[in-house]
Amino acid sequence: MKIPALTLRMTCVAAALAAATGGAFALDTGGFMRVAADTPPAVPPVLVPGVPARAEGDRDQRPAATTEMSADKVEQSVSDSAITTKVKTKLLATKDLRSTGIHVKTKDGTVNLRGSVPTKEQHQLAVDATRSVEGVSSVNDELKVLPR
């Protein structure tokens, strides 16, 4: 009986993995490999030189405030992303404004405008449009007027 090269290769890989983890392997009737381990793999004492490995219970020992602060950061990040999207949409919808050279970033409600516009009038249009967006607390204007 001839064994296809792919099946032989997969069997060897499964055997190596099983030996490394201390488990056993077998092919079921459909030709799929099953790996069973008697014991969970041991966590190495050091994953990176100079950095100790985490014990299994370390995650549960973190203070609850960390989780709450993380949720606040995520909420602020989503809010900032929404403000950025609204500002970009407003700039694109503003008549007589060429906003393709304007880059928008938002952090904690403060919108940073960078890039260039061709005229002073378009510069003012961009700043005014940004200030009119709901959720914008302030605008950090770093736009330059560069005639194209």
C-alpha atoms as a PDB file:
ATOM      1  CA  MET A   1       0.000   0.000   0.000  1.00  0.00           C
ATOM      2  CA  LYS A   2       1.399   3.355  -1.031  1.00  0.00           C
ATOM      3  CA  ILE A   3       0.912   6.353   1.325  1.00  0.00           C
ATOM      4  CA  PRO A   4       0.549   9.774  -0.332  1.00  0.00           C
ATOM      5  CA  ALA A   5       3.427  12.165   0.425  1.00  0.00           C
ATOM      6  CA  LEU A   6       1.134  14.785   1.988  1.00  0.00           C
ATOM      7  CA  THR A   7      -0.402  12.254   4.383  1.00  0.00           C
ATOM      8  CA  LEU A   8       3.031  10.993   5.371  1.00  0.00           C
ATOM      9  CA  ARG A   9       4.271  14.557   5.932  1.00  0.00           C
ATOM     10  CA  MET A  10       1.221  15.466   8.052  1.00  0.00           C
ATOM     11  CA  THR A  11       1.635  12.291  10.089  1.00  0.00           C
ATOM     12  CA  CYS A  12       5.286  13.087  10.804  1.00  0.00           C
ATOM     13  CA  VAL A  13       4.412  16.648  11.857  1.00  0.00           C
ATOM     14  CA  ALA A  14       1.655  15.380  14.138  1.00  0.00           C
ATOM     15  CA  ALA A  15       4.004  12.819  15.664  1.00  0.00           C
ATOM     16  CA  ALA A  16       6.615  15.488  16.325  1.00  0.00           C
ATOM     17  CA  LEU A  17       4.036  17.777  17.925  1.00  0.00           C
ATOM     18  CA  ALA A  18       2.637  14.952  20.032  1.00  0.00           C
ATOM     19  CA  ALA A  19       6.114  13.962  21.197  1.00  0.00           C
ATOM     20  CA  ALA A  20       6.931  17.575  22.076  1.00  0.00           C
ATOM     21  CA  THR A  21       3.765  18.014  24.126  1.00  0.00           C
ATOM     22  CA  GLY A  22       3.810  14.559  25.663  1.00  0.00           C
ATOM     23  CA  GLY A  23       0.640  13.398  23.913  1.00  0.00           C
ATOM     24  CA  ALA A  24      -0.323  10.709  21.469  1.00  0.00           C
ATOM     25  CA  PHE A  25      -1.609  10.997  17.925  1.00  0.00           C
ATOM     26  CA  ALA A  26      -3.844   8.903  15.711  1.00  0.00           C
ATOM     27  CA  LEU A  27      -5.650   9.104  12.393  1.00  0.00           C
ATOM     28  CA  ASP A  28      -9.411   8.770  12.552  1.00  0.00           C
ATOM     29  CA  THR A  29     -11.447   7.035   9.830  1.00  0.00           C
ATOM     30  CA  GLY A  30     -11.675  10.243   7.782  1.00  0.00           C
ATOM     31  CA  GLY A  31      -7.894  10.642   7.716  1.00  0.00           C
ATOM     32  CA  PHE A  32      -7.862  13.535  10.214  1.00  0.00           C
ATOM     33  CA  MET A  33      -5.222  13.550  12.916  1.00  0.00           C
ATOM     34  CA  ARG A  34      -6.216  13.637  16.533  1.00  0.00           C
ATOM     35  CA  VAL A  35      -3.740  14.664  19.195  1.00  0.00           C
ATOM     36  CA  ALA A  36      -4.375  13.831  22.815  1.00  0.00           C
ATOM     37  CA  ALA A  37      -2.248  15.088  25.679  1.00  0.00           C
ATOM     38  CA  ASP A  38      -2.253  13.569  29.149  1.00  0.00           C
ATOM     39  CA  THR A  39      -0.844  16.669  30.777  1.00  0.00           C
ATOM     40  CA  PRO A  40      -0.991  20.306  29.765  1.00  0.00           C
ATOM     41  CA  PRO A  41       2.264  21.640  28.317  1.00  0.00           C
ATOM     42  CA  ALA A  42       4.613  23.120  30.881  1.00  0.00           C
ATOM     43  CA  VAL A  43       5.050  26.891  30.805  1.00  0.00           C
ATOM     44  CA  PRO A  44       8.719  27.711  30.347  1.00  0.00           C
ATOM     45  CA  PRO A  45      10.135  29.676  33.289  1.00  0.00           C
ATOM     46  CA  VAL A  46      11.492  32.429  30.989  1.00  0.00           C
ATOM     47  CA  LEU A  47      10.022  33.222  27.562  1.00  0.00           C
ATOM     48  CA  VAL A  48      12.314  36.143  26.846  1.00  0.00           C
ATOM     49  CA  PRO A  49      15.671  36.599  28.560  1.00  0.00           C
ATOM     50  CA  GLY A  50      15.286  38.998  31.450  1.00  0.00           C
ATOM     51  CA  VAL A  51      11.472  38.828  31.459  1.00  0.00           C
ATOM     52  CA  PRO A  52       9.871  36.262  33.795  1.00  0.00           C
ATOM     53  CA  ALA A  53       6.932  34.216  32.517  1.00  0.00           C
ATOM     54  CA  ARG A  54       3.454  35.020  33.831  1.00  0.00           C
ATOM     55  CA  ALA A  55       1.818  32.570  36.148  1.00  0.00           C
ATOM     56  CA  GLU A  56      -1.665  31.350  35.237  1.00  0.00           C
ATOM     57  CA  GLY A  57      -3.402  33.411  37.951  1.00  0.00           C
ATOM     58  CA  ASP A  58      -1.665  36.739  37.233  1.00  0.00           C
ATOM     59  CA  ARG A  59      -4.599  38.008  35.180  1.00  0.00           C
ATOM     60  CA  ASP A  60      -7.004  37.601  38.099  1.00  0.00           C
ATOM     61  CA  GLN A  61      -4.745  39.528  40.457  1.00  0.00           C
ATOM     62  CA  ARG A  62      -4.942  42.810  38.524  1.00  0.00           C
ATOM     63  CA  PRO A  63      -6.852  45.579  40.241  1.00  0.00           C
ATOM     64  CA  ALA A  64     -10.392  46.225  39.008  1.00  0.00           C
ATOM     65  CA  ALA A  65      -9.553  49.885  38.294  1.00  0.00           C
ATOM     66  CA  THR A  66      -7.331  48.804  35.418  1.00  0.00           C
ATOM     67  CA  THR A  67     -10.307  47.242  33.680  1.00  0.00           C
ATOM     68  CA  GLU A  68     -12.440  50.327  34.218  1.00  0.00           C
ATOM     69  CA  MET A  69      -9.672  52.584  32.938  1.00  0.00           C
ATOM     70  CA  SER A  70      -9.287  50.372  29.883  1.00  0.00           C
ATOM     71  CA  ALA A  71     -13.016  50.643  29.157  1.00  0.00           C
ATOM     72  CA  ASP A  72     -12.782  54.441  29.445  1.00  0.00           C
ATOM     73  CA  LYS A  73      -9.829  54.494  27.039  1.00  0.00           C
ATOM     74  CA  VAL A  74     -11.679  52.335  24.537  1.00  0.00           C
ATOM     75  CA  GLU A  75     -14.782  54.524  24.798  1.00  0.00           C
ATOM     76  CA  GLN A  76     -12.692  57.689  24.292  1.00  0.00           C
ATOM     77  CA  SER A  77     -10.889  56.078  21.360  1.00  0.00           C
ATOM     78  CA  VAL A  78     -14.204  55.199  19.701  1.00  0.00           C
ATOM     79  CA  SER A  79     -15.473  58.707  20.376  1.00  0.00           C
ATOM     80  CA  ASP A  80     -12.311  60.229  18.878  1.00  0.00           C
ATOM     81  CA  SER A  81     -12.634  57.994  15.817  1.00  0.00           C
ATOM     82  CA  ALA A  82     -16.235  59.086  15.366  1.00  0.00           C
ATOM     83  CA  ILE A  83     -15.244  62.754  15.627  1.00  0.00           C
ATOM     84  CA  THR A  84     -12.463  62.243  13.068  1.00  0.00           C
ATOM     85  CA  THR A  85     -14.930  60.618  10.682  1.00  0.00           C
ATOM     86  CA  LYS A  86     -17.459  63.434  11.153  1.00  0.00           C
ATOM     87  CA  VAL A  87     -14.787  66.085  10.549  1.00  0.00           C
ATOM     88  CA  LYS A  88     -13.537  64.372   7.377  1.00  0.00           C
ATOM     89  CA  THR A  89     -17.108  64.049   6.121  1.00  0.00           C
ATOM     90  CA  LYS A  90     -17.802  67.713   6.883  1.00  0.00           C
ATOM     91  CA  LEU A  91     -14.628  68.802   5.096  1.00  0.00           C
ATOM     92  CA  LEU A  92     -15.519  66.754   2.021  1.00  0.00           C
ATOM     93  CA  ALA A  93     -19.059  68.152   2.003  1.00  0.00           C
ATOM     94  CA  THR A  94     -17.961  71.787   2.398  1.00  0.00           C
ATOM     95  CA  LYS A  95     -18.534  73.653  -0.843  1.00  0.00           C
ATOM     96  CA  ASP A  96     -15.499  75.348  -2.410  1.00  0.00           C
ATOM     97  CA  LEU A  97     -13.052  73.471  -0.148  1.00  0.00           C
ATOM     98  CA  ARG A  98     -10.376  71.191  -1.572  1.00  0.00           C
ATOM     99  CA  SER A  99      -9.826  68.969   1.452  1.00  0.00           C
ATOM    100  CA  THR A 100      -7.712  66.223  -0.119  1.00  0.00           C
ATOM    101  CA  GLY A 101      -4.530  67.704   1.369  1.00  0.00           C
ATOM    102  CA  ILE A 102      -5.921  67.920   4.901  1.00  0.00           C
ATOM    103  CA  HIS A 103      -5.059  65.220   7.441  1.00  0.00           C
ATOM    104  CA  VAL A 104      -7.292  64.877  10.501  1.00  0.00           C
ATOM    105  CA  LYS A 105      -6.481  63.233  13.842  1.00  0.00           C
ATOM    106  CA  THR A 106      -8.436  63.478  17.075  1.00  0.00           C
ATOM    107  CA  LYS A 107      -7.325  62.899  20.669  1.00  0.00           C
ATOM    108  CA  ASP A 108      -9.554  63.579  23.661  1.00  0.00           C
ATOM    109  CA  GLY A 109     -11.865  65.757  21.555  1.00  0.00           C
ATOM    110  CA  THR A 110      -9.031  67.942  20.232  1.00  0.00           C
ATOM    111  CA  VAL A 111      -8.820  67.808  16.446  1.00  0.00           C
ATOM    112  CA  ASN A 112      -5.423  68.206  14.790  1.00  0.00           C
ATOM    113  CA  LEU A 113      -5.516  69.561  11.245  1.00  0.00           C
ATOM    114  CA  ARG A 114      -2.336  69.105   9.222  1.00  0.00           C
ATOM    115  CA  GLY A 115      -1.506  69.455   5.586  1.00  0.00           C
ATOM    116  CA  SER A 116      -2.014  72.197   3.078  1.00  0.00           C
ATOM    117  CA  VAL A 117      -4.732  74.187   1.330  1.00  0.00           C
ATOM    118  CA  PRO A 118      -4.307  76.451  -1.694  1.00  0.00           C
ATOM    119  CA  THR A 119      -5.758  79.708  -0.258  1.00  0.00           C
ATOM    120  CA  LYS A 120      -6.360  81.564   3.012  1.00  0.00           C
ATOM    121  CA  GLU A 121     -10.104  81.400   2.340  1.00  0.00           C
ATOM    122  CA  GLN A 122      -9.985  77.600   2.142  1.00  0.00           C
ATOM    123  CA  HIS A 123      -7.882  77.526   5.299  1.00  0.00           C
ATOM    124  CA  GLN A 124     -10.579  79.454   7.166  1.00  0.00           C
ATOM    125  CA  LEU A 125     -13.334  77.273   5.647  1.00  0.00           C
ATOM    126  CA  ALA A 126     -11.555  74.140   6.903  1.00  0.00           C
ATOM    127  CA  VAL A 127     -11.073  75.463  10.431  1.00  0.00           C
ATOM    128  CA  ASP A 128     -14.673  76.748  10.656  1.00  0.00           C
ATOM    129  CA  ALA A 129     -16.090  73.472   9.325  1.00  0.00           C
ATOM    130  CA  THR A 130     -14.049  71.513  11.877  1.00  0.00           C
ATOM    131  CA  ARG A 131     -15.187  73.692  14.789  1.00  0.00           C
ATOM    132  CA  SER A 132     -18.827  73.219  13.771  1.00  0.00           C
ATOM    133  CA  VAL A 133     -18.690  69.422  14.232  1.00  0.00           C
ATOM    134  CA  GLU A 134     -20.395  68.102  17.358  1.00  0.00           C
ATOM    135  CA  GLY A 135     -17.914  66.698  19.900  1.00  0.00           C
ATOM    136  CA  VAL A 136     -14.971  68.881  18.881  1.00  0.00           C
ATOM    137  CA  SER A 137     -13.659  70.611  21.997  1.00  0.00           C
ATOM    138  CA  SER A 138     -10.771  72.430  20.301  1.00  0.00           C
ATOM    139  CA  VAL A 139      -8.879  72.612  17.015  1.00  0.00           C
ATOM    140  CA  ASN A 140      -5.101  72.472  16.714  1.00  0.00           C
ATOM    141  CA  ASP A 141      -4.568  74.231  13.392  1.00  0.00           C
ATOM    142  CA  GLU A 142      -1.334  73.234  11.652  1.00  0.00           C
ATOM    143  CA  LEU A 143      -2.596  73.833   8.097  1.00  0.00           C
ATOM    144  CA  LYS A 144      -0.312  75.618   5.679  1.00  0.00           C
ATOM    145  CA  VAL A 145      -1.383  77.757   2.749  1.00  0.00           C
ATOM    146  CA  LEU A 146       0.534  76.534  -0.285  1.00  0.00           C
ATOM    147  CA  PRO A 147      -0.718  77.653  -3.704  1.00  0.00           C
ATOM    148  CA  ARG A 148      -0.859  74.662  -6.058  1.00  0.00           C
END
